[in-house]
Amino acid sequence: MSATGSSPSRLGYLDPLRGILALCVAVYHLGVWFNLSQSGSGMNMATAKLGNYSVSAFFVLSGFLLFRTASWARLRKEGLGRFWLRRFLRLAPVFYLACAMNLTFHLGMGPEPSWRFVFENLTLTFGAIHPNHALVTGGWYVGLVALLYFAYPALAWLREKGGLWFLWALASGLWLWSLPSTLHGVMGQEQWNRFHTYVMAPNQLFLLAWGGLVAGLHASTEERLDPKVALLLALPMLFLLLRPVPQFFDHLTALTGWLRYRYLLIVTILVALAAFTRNGEPGHFGKALSRLGDWSFGLYLLHPFTMRLVAPHVSGGLGFSLSLGLAILAAAAVHRWIEEPVGRLGR
């Protein structure tokens, strides 16, 4: 398998998938914050798994896209400085906006701010120290992806030398690194420290490598699935993910132990199915989801702010709906007025 081939302009149905994932995260968080379902109910468990494992799927998706589109030959041609600049411009502007709003309005999304934490967030180095040093809700994902971007040139070179075997070794090695944390480390902590332990690098980085492995397999064959076949294959995967057994009340229970790896395998297969699906005309619904995919980063970071705006005035299902609608509008606005113009600077 050669890692130097040109990357396709469109990669299956990953754009609509990105929109679905961002929507699942927002629906989960807003559903919890507006108390829409009872703990332990089928709806509560389903949204908990959809929301949390959509973030996991974002990690797989991020690894896939980077390894699939940024070969070592491309990095050498554009230069490492240009590569890092483009990636910085992809993450930083909307993240900085969210952090600035949190600090300006004293919303308490993250640790008590200090000059140290501000420096870590400005430099995107907090992922290497502690992902939950992020000064905005959900920012831990940004810190860990920034780690991948920093290390990626070395990984791209190793992939060039080792091919698919290197990707297998990377995915397996980082998965083994996650075992102590997933099987024992998270739930063995005090209640207040469990999520802080869950987001740490050993428990998450292997998902980026799993995405890289899927990218290597994707690049090694031209075989693609018919969209209808891919959908039929995806349906039993969704059933296995969402079925209401075993029952849980603490959402971290479904994010730890061997059960987590079972669910992670399912979401990795779902990402792979979207990637391996033959490109086709998506239709109006598919185009809407693709557009939502363009807005996904803003939706991921901004929906907690719309909740803070709405919750003091409206509760229940109406508050949930207003918060979600405003979050989608805000995500569209930041994509149009921030992400697109800044993205052009990196080209």
Protein backbone atom coordinates (compact mmCIF):
# COMPACT_ATOMS: atom_id res chain seq x y z
CA MET A 1 0.00 0.00 0.00
CA SER A 2 1.42 3.34 -1.01
CA ALA A 3 0.68 6.43 1.05
CA THR A 4 1.72 8.81 -1.68
CA GLY A 5 -1.28 8.59 -3.98
CA SER A 6 -3.59 11.50 -4.52
CA SER A 7 -6.56 11.77 -2.18
CA PRO A 8 -10.11 11.85 -3.49
CA SER A 9 -11.98 15.14 -3.45
CA ARG A 10 -14.98 13.51 -1.76
CA LEU A 11 -14.84 10.67 0.69
CA GLY A 12 -18.07 8.71 0.64
CA TYR A 13 -20.74 10.01 2.98
CA LEU A 14 -18.47 11.41 5.67
CA ASP A 15 -19.86 14.94 5.35
CA PRO A 16 -23.45 13.88 6.21
CA LEU A 17 -22.07 11.62 8.94
CA ARG A 18 -20.24 14.56 10.50
CA GLY A 19 -23.50 16.48 10.63
CA ILE A 20 -25.31 13.57 12.27
CA LEU A 21 -22.57 13.17 14.88
CA ALA A 22 -22.60 16.85 15.84
CA LEU A 23 -26.38 16.78 16.12
CA CYS A 24 -26.23 13.70 18.36
CA VAL A 25 -23.76 15.40 20.72
CA ALA A 26 -25.90 18.54 20.97
CA VAL A 27 -29.13 16.56 21.46
CA TYR A 28 -27.52 14.50 24.22
CA HIS A 29 -26.14 17.46 26.16
CA LEU A 30 -29.26 19.57 25.78
CA GLY A 31 -31.46 16.61 26.69
CA VAL A 32 -29.52 16.16 29.94
CA TRP A 33 -29.44 19.86 30.75
CA PHE A 34 -33.18 20.27 30.10
CA ASN A 35 -33.97 16.98 31.88
CA LEU A 36 -35.96 15.47 29.03
CA SER A 37 -35.70 11.81 30.06
CA GLN A 38 -35.48 9.82 33.25
CA SER A 39 -32.15 8.26 34.19
CA GLY A 40 -32.08 4.57 33.27
CA SER A 41 -34.89 4.85 30.72
CA GLY A 42 -34.45 3.57 27.19
CA MET A 43 -34.43 7.09 25.78
CA ASN A 44 -31.90 8.29 28.33
CA MET A 45 -29.54 5.41 27.65
CA ALA A 46 -29.91 5.73 23.88
CA THR A 47 -29.13 9.45 23.83
CA ALA A 48 -26.23 8.94 26.25
CA LYS A 49 -24.65 6.36 23.96
CA LEU A 50 -25.36 8.37 20.81
CA GLY A 51 -23.93 11.56 22.30
CA ASN A 52 -20.82 10.13 23.91
CA TYR A 53 -19.95 7.70 21.14
CA SER A 54 -20.50 10.40 18.54
CA VAL A 55 -17.54 12.20 20.13
CA SER A 56 -15.59 8.93 19.84
CA ALA A 57 -16.64 8.69 16.21
CA PHE A 58 -15.32 12.24 15.68
CA PHE A 59 -11.91 11.03 16.86
CA VAL A 60 -12.01 8.12 14.41
CA LEU A 61 -13.20 10.45 11.66
CA SER A 62 -10.46 13.00 12.39
CA GLY A 63 -7.79 10.33 12.22
CA PHE A 64 -9.24 8.92 9.02
CA LEU A 65 -9.38 12.26 7.22
CA LEU A 66 -5.87 13.28 8.20
CA PHE A 67 -4.20 9.99 7.30
CA ARG A 68 -6.25 9.70 4.11
CA THR A 69 -5.66 13.18 2.73
CA ALA A 70 -2.24 14.26 4.04
CA SER A 71 0.44 11.93 2.72
CA TRP A 72 4.13 12.41 3.47
CA ALA A 73 4.65 13.46 -0.14
CA ARG A 74 2.05 16.21 0.26
CA LEU A 75 3.60 17.40 3.52
CA ARG A 76 7.04 17.62 1.93
CA LYS A 77 5.61 19.58 -0.98
CA GLU A 78 3.70 22.16 1.09
CA GLY A 79 6.15 22.31 4.00
CA LEU A 80 5.58 21.52 7.67
CA GLY A 81 4.98 25.16 8.57
CA ARG A 82 2.17 25.40 6.05
CA PHE A 83 0.69 22.13 7.25
CA TRP A 84 0.66 23.22 10.89
CA LEU A 85 -0.72 26.64 9.95
CA ARG A 86 -3.66 25.10 8.08
CA ARG A 87 -4.44 22.79 10.97
CA PHE A 88 -4.13 25.61 13.51
CA LEU A 89 -6.53 27.73 11.49
CA ARG A 90 -8.96 24.81 11.40
CA LEU A 91 -9.09 24.49 15.19
CA ALA A 92 -8.17 27.79 16.80
CA PRO A 93 -10.58 30.55 15.63
CA VAL A 94 -13.89 29.05 16.78
CA PHE A 95 -12.22 27.53 19.85
CA TYR A 96 -10.78 30.93 20.77
CA LEU A 97 -14.22 32.51 20.29
CA ALA A 98 -15.84 29.98 22.63
CA CYS A 99 -13.13 30.42 25.27
CA ALA A 100 -13.40 34.21 25.02
CA MET A 101 -17.17 34.13 25.52
CA ASN A 102 -16.77 31.84 28.51
CA LEU A 103 -14.19 34.12 30.15
CA THR A 104 -15.98 37.35 29.26
CA PHE A 105 -19.34 36.32 30.65
CA HIS A 106 -17.93 34.24 33.56
CA LEU A 107 -19.90 31.15 32.58
CA GLY A 108 -17.71 28.64 34.41
CA MET A 109 -17.26 26.28 31.47
CA GLY A 110 -14.03 24.65 32.53
CA PRO A 111 -11.54 25.15 35.37
CA GLU A 112 -11.18 28.38 37.27
CA PRO A 113 -9.28 30.55 34.78
CA SER A 114 -5.66 31.40 35.45
CA TRP A 115 -2.85 32.82 33.34
CA ARG A 116 -1.45 29.29 33.08
CA PHE A 117 -4.68 27.89 31.70
CA VAL A 118 -5.09 30.85 29.34
CA PHE A 119 -1.59 30.20 27.98
CA GLU A 120 -2.30 26.48 27.54
CA ASN A 121 -5.50 27.26 25.64
CA LEU A 122 -3.90 29.92 23.45
CA THR A 123 -1.12 27.52 22.46
CA LEU A 124 -3.43 24.47 22.25
CA THR A 125 -0.97 22.59 24.45
CA PHE A 126 -3.44 21.66 27.19
CA GLY A 127 -4.16 18.30 25.57
CA ALA A 128 -0.64 17.19 26.46
CA ILE A 129 -1.07 18.35 30.07
CA HIS A 130 -4.72 17.67 30.86
CA PRO A 131 -7.51 17.86 28.25
CA ASN A 132 -9.93 19.26 30.84
CA HIS A 133 -7.80 22.38 31.18
CA ALA A 134 -9.86 23.55 28.21
CA LEU A 135 -11.67 26.79 29.05
CA VAL A 136 -14.86 25.73 27.29
CA THR A 137 -17.22 22.75 27.51
CA GLY A 138 -16.14 19.99 25.11
CA GLY A 139 -12.78 21.61 24.47
CA TRP A 140 -10.93 18.49 25.61
CA TYR A 141 -11.51 17.07 22.12
CA VAL A 142 -9.69 20.07 20.61
CA GLY A 143 -6.65 19.57 22.83
CA LEU A 144 -6.27 15.92 21.87
CA VAL A 145 -6.72 16.54 18.14
CA ALA A 146 -4.10 19.29 18.39
CA LEU A 147 -1.70 16.63 19.72
CA LEU A 148 -2.33 14.56 16.59
CA TYR A 149 -1.70 17.55 14.34
CA PHE A 150 1.59 18.30 16.09
CA ALA A 151 2.83 14.71 15.86
CA TYR A 152 1.39 13.91 12.44
CA PRO A 153 4.41 14.73 10.21
CA ALA A 154 6.44 12.08 12.04
CA LEU A 155 3.53 9.64 11.75
CA ALA A 156 3.17 10.38 8.03
CA TRP A 157 6.87 9.67 7.48
CA LEU A 158 6.64 6.40 9.42
CA ARG A 159 3.57 5.44 7.43
CA GLU A 160 5.48 6.12 4.22
CA LYS A 161 8.19 3.71 5.38
CA GLY A 162 6.02 1.08 7.07
CA GLY A 163 2.80 1.24 5.06
CA LEU A 164 -0.23 -0.60 6.35
CA TRP A 165 1.85 -2.59 8.83
CA PHE A 166 2.81 0.60 10.64
CA LEU A 167 -0.85 1.64 10.88
CA TRP A 168 -1.76 -1.74 12.34
CA ALA A 169 1.06 -1.44 14.89
CA LEU A 170 0.10 2.12 15.82
CA ALA A 171 -3.59 1.26 16.26
CA SER A 172 -2.80 -1.86 18.29
CA GLY A 173 -0.13 -0.23 20.47
CA LEU A 174 -2.25 2.76 21.42
CA TRP A 175 -5.21 0.48 22.09
CA LEU A 176 -3.09 -1.57 24.51
CA TRP A 177 -2.09 1.70 26.19
CA SER A 178 -5.78 2.44 26.80
CA LEU A 179 -6.56 -0.85 28.56
CA PRO A 180 -5.65 0.10 32.16
CA SER A 181 -7.59 3.35 31.98
CA THR A 182 -10.69 1.93 30.30
CA LEU A 183 -10.90 -1.28 32.30
CA HIS A 184 -9.98 0.03 35.76
CA GLY A 185 -8.66 3.59 35.86
CA VAL A 186 -11.83 5.60 35.29
CA MET A 187 -14.32 3.92 37.61
CA GLY A 188 -11.59 3.38 40.21
CA GLN A 189 -11.39 7.13 40.77
CA GLU A 190 -13.44 9.25 43.12
CA GLN A 191 -16.73 10.33 41.55
CA TRP A 192 -15.53 13.90 40.92
CA ASN A 193 -12.40 12.68 39.10
CA ARG A 194 -13.89 10.03 36.83
CA PHE A 195 -14.63 12.18 33.80
CA HIS A 196 -11.28 13.95 34.22
CA THR A 197 -9.65 10.52 33.95
CA TYR A 198 -11.85 9.43 31.06
CA VAL A 199 -10.72 12.29 28.79
CA MET A 200 -6.98 11.70 29.29
CA ALA A 201 -4.82 10.91 26.26
CA PRO A 202 -4.23 7.19 26.98
CA ASN A 203 -7.98 6.63 26.89
CA GLN A 204 -8.64 8.50 23.61
CA LEU A 205 -5.66 8.70 21.25
CA PHE A 206 -6.03 5.13 20.00
CA LEU A 207 -9.27 6.21 18.30
CA LEU A 208 -7.31 8.58 16.06
CA ALA A 209 -5.04 5.67 15.16
CA TRP A 210 -8.04 3.46 14.44
CA GLY A 211 -9.17 6.13 12.00
CA GLY A 212 -5.71 6.09 10.45
CA LEU A 213 -5.94 2.34 9.99
CA VAL A 214 -9.31 2.67 8.28
CA ALA A 215 -7.70 5.31 6.03
CA GLY A 216 -4.93 2.89 5.11
CA LEU A 217 -7.43 0.20 4.20
CA HIS A 218 -9.48 2.75 2.25
CA ALA A 219 -6.42 3.80 0.24
CA SER A 220 -5.47 0.20 -0.53
CA THR A 221 -8.57 -0.63 -2.57
CA GLU A 222 -10.90 1.02 -5.06
CA GLU A 223 -13.84 -1.14 -3.99
CA ARG A 224 -16.79 0.90 -2.71
CA LEU A 225 -20.25 0.05 -1.43
CA ASP A 226 -23.58 0.99 -2.94
CA PRO A 227 -25.27 3.48 -0.58
CA LYS A 228 -28.27 1.18 -0.05
CA VAL A 229 -25.99 -1.73 0.86
CA ALA A 230 -24.06 0.48 3.28
CA LEU A 231 -27.30 1.55 4.94
CA LEU A 232 -28.45 -2.05 5.32
CA LEU A 233 -25.12 -2.91 6.94
CA ALA A 234 -25.32 0.11 9.23
CA LEU A 235 -28.77 -0.68 10.62
CA PRO A 236 -27.77 -3.76 12.69
CA MET A 237 -24.76 -1.82 13.98
CA LEU A 238 -27.07 0.93 15.21
CA PHE A 239 -29.35 -1.66 16.80
CA LEU A 240 -26.44 -3.15 18.73
CA LEU A 241 -25.34 0.29 19.87
CA LEU A 242 -28.77 1.52 20.95
CA ARG A 243 -30.47 -1.54 22.41
CA PRO A 244 -31.31 -0.83 26.08
CA VAL A 245 -29.15 -3.57 27.63
CA PRO A 246 -27.37 -3.57 29.94
CA GLN A 247 -29.24 -0.91 31.85
CA PHE A 248 -27.15 1.88 33.38
CA PHE A 249 -27.81 5.03 35.38
CA ASP A 250 -24.31 6.51 35.51
CA HIS A 251 -23.42 7.33 31.90
CA LEU A 252 -19.74 6.65 32.52
CA THR A 253 -20.68 3.00 33.09
CA ALA A 254 -21.36 2.74 29.35
CA LEU A 255 -18.01 4.42 28.58
CA THR A 256 -15.77 2.02 30.46
CA GLY A 257 -14.84 -1.64 30.60
CA TRP A 258 -15.01 -4.12 27.76
CA LEU A 259 -18.45 -2.73 26.91
CA ARG A 260 -16.78 0.46 25.72
CA TYR A 261 -14.57 -1.40 23.27
CA ARG A 262 -17.62 -3.20 21.89
CA TYR A 263 -19.35 0.11 21.25
CA LEU A 264 -16.17 1.67 19.85
CA LEU A 265 -15.83 -1.15 17.36
CA ILE A 266 -19.41 -0.45 16.25
CA VAL A 267 -18.83 3.28 15.73
CA THR A 268 -15.57 2.59 13.90
CA ILE A 269 -17.44 0.25 11.55
CA LEU A 270 -20.08 2.96 11.01
CA VAL A 271 -17.39 5.50 10.09
CA ALA A 272 -15.81 2.94 7.77
CA LEU A 273 -19.14 2.24 6.09
CA ALA A 274 -19.64 5.95 5.42
CA ALA A 275 -16.11 6.23 4.04
CA PHE A 276 -16.34 3.15 1.85
CA THR A 277 -19.71 4.13 0.37
CA ARG A 278 -19.64 5.06 -3.30
CA ASN A 279 -20.13 8.75 -3.95
CA GLY A 280 -23.50 9.60 -5.37
CA GLU A 281 -26.06 12.34 -5.57
CA PRO A 282 -27.06 12.83 -1.91
CA GLY A 283 -30.49 14.38 -2.47
CA HIS A 284 -32.02 17.23 -0.51
CA PHE A 285 -31.81 15.49 2.87
CA GLY A 286 -28.23 14.41 2.27
CA LYS A 287 -27.29 17.93 1.20
CA ALA A 288 -28.84 19.33 4.37
CA LEU A 289 -26.82 16.88 6.47
CA SER A 290 -23.68 17.75 4.52
CA ARG A 291 -24.28 21.41 5.25
CA LEU A 292 -24.75 20.52 8.91
CA GLY A 293 -21.45 18.67 8.65
CA ASP A 294 -19.81 21.91 7.52
CA TRP A 295 -21.20 23.54 10.66
CA SER A 296 -20.35 20.62 12.96
CA PHE A 297 -17.39 22.16 14.80
CA GLY A 298 -19.35 25.28 15.65
CA LEU A 299 -22.37 23.24 16.71
CA TYR A 300 -20.15 21.10 18.94
CA LEU A 301 -18.61 24.09 20.74
CA LEU A 302 -21.50 26.57 20.78
CA HIS A 303 -24.55 24.58 21.90
CA PRO A 304 -23.63 24.96 25.62
CA PHE A 305 -23.80 28.74 25.17
CA THR A 306 -27.27 28.68 23.65
CA MET A 307 -28.39 26.52 26.56
CA ARG A 308 -27.06 29.15 28.99
CA LEU A 309 -28.94 31.79 27.03
CA VAL A 310 -32.28 29.94 26.96
CA ALA A 311 -32.40 27.94 30.20
CA PRO A 312 -33.01 30.85 32.60
CA HIS A 313 -36.16 31.74 30.66
CA VAL A 314 -37.56 28.54 29.09
CA SER A 315 -37.43 24.93 30.33
CA GLY A 316 -38.41 21.48 29.13
CA GLY A 317 -38.92 20.55 25.52
CA LEU A 318 -39.42 24.12 24.37
CA GLY A 319 -36.13 25.21 25.94
CA PHE A 320 -34.40 22.22 24.36
CA SER A 321 -35.79 23.06 20.92
CA LEU A 322 -34.92 26.75 21.15
CA SER A 323 -31.39 25.97 22.33
CA LEU A 324 -30.82 23.47 19.55
CA GLY A 325 -32.20 25.78 16.87
CA LEU A 326 -30.11 28.71 18.07
CA ALA A 327 -27.02 26.50 18.21
CA ILE A 328 -27.49 25.46 14.58
CA LEU A 329 -27.94 29.10 13.55
CA ALA A 330 -24.85 30.13 15.51
CA ALA A 331 -22.84 27.30 13.95
CA ALA A 332 -23.92 28.40 10.48
CA ALA A 333 -22.92 31.98 11.26
CA VAL A 334 -19.45 31.16 12.58
CA HIS A 335 -18.84 28.87 9.60
CA ARG A 336 -19.83 31.62 7.18
CA TRP A 337 -18.08 34.51 8.90
CA ILE A 338 -15.12 32.85 10.63
CA GLU A 339 -14.28 29.34 9.43
CA GLU A 340 -14.60 29.94 5.69
CA PRO A 341 -12.64 33.24 5.55
CA VAL A 342 -9.91 31.96 7.89
CA GLY A 343 -9.74 28.67 5.99
CA ARG A 344 -8.96 30.55 2.79
CA LEU A 345 -5.92 32.09 4.47
CA GLY A 346 -4.37 28.64 4.87
CA ARG A 347 -4.72 27.62 1.25
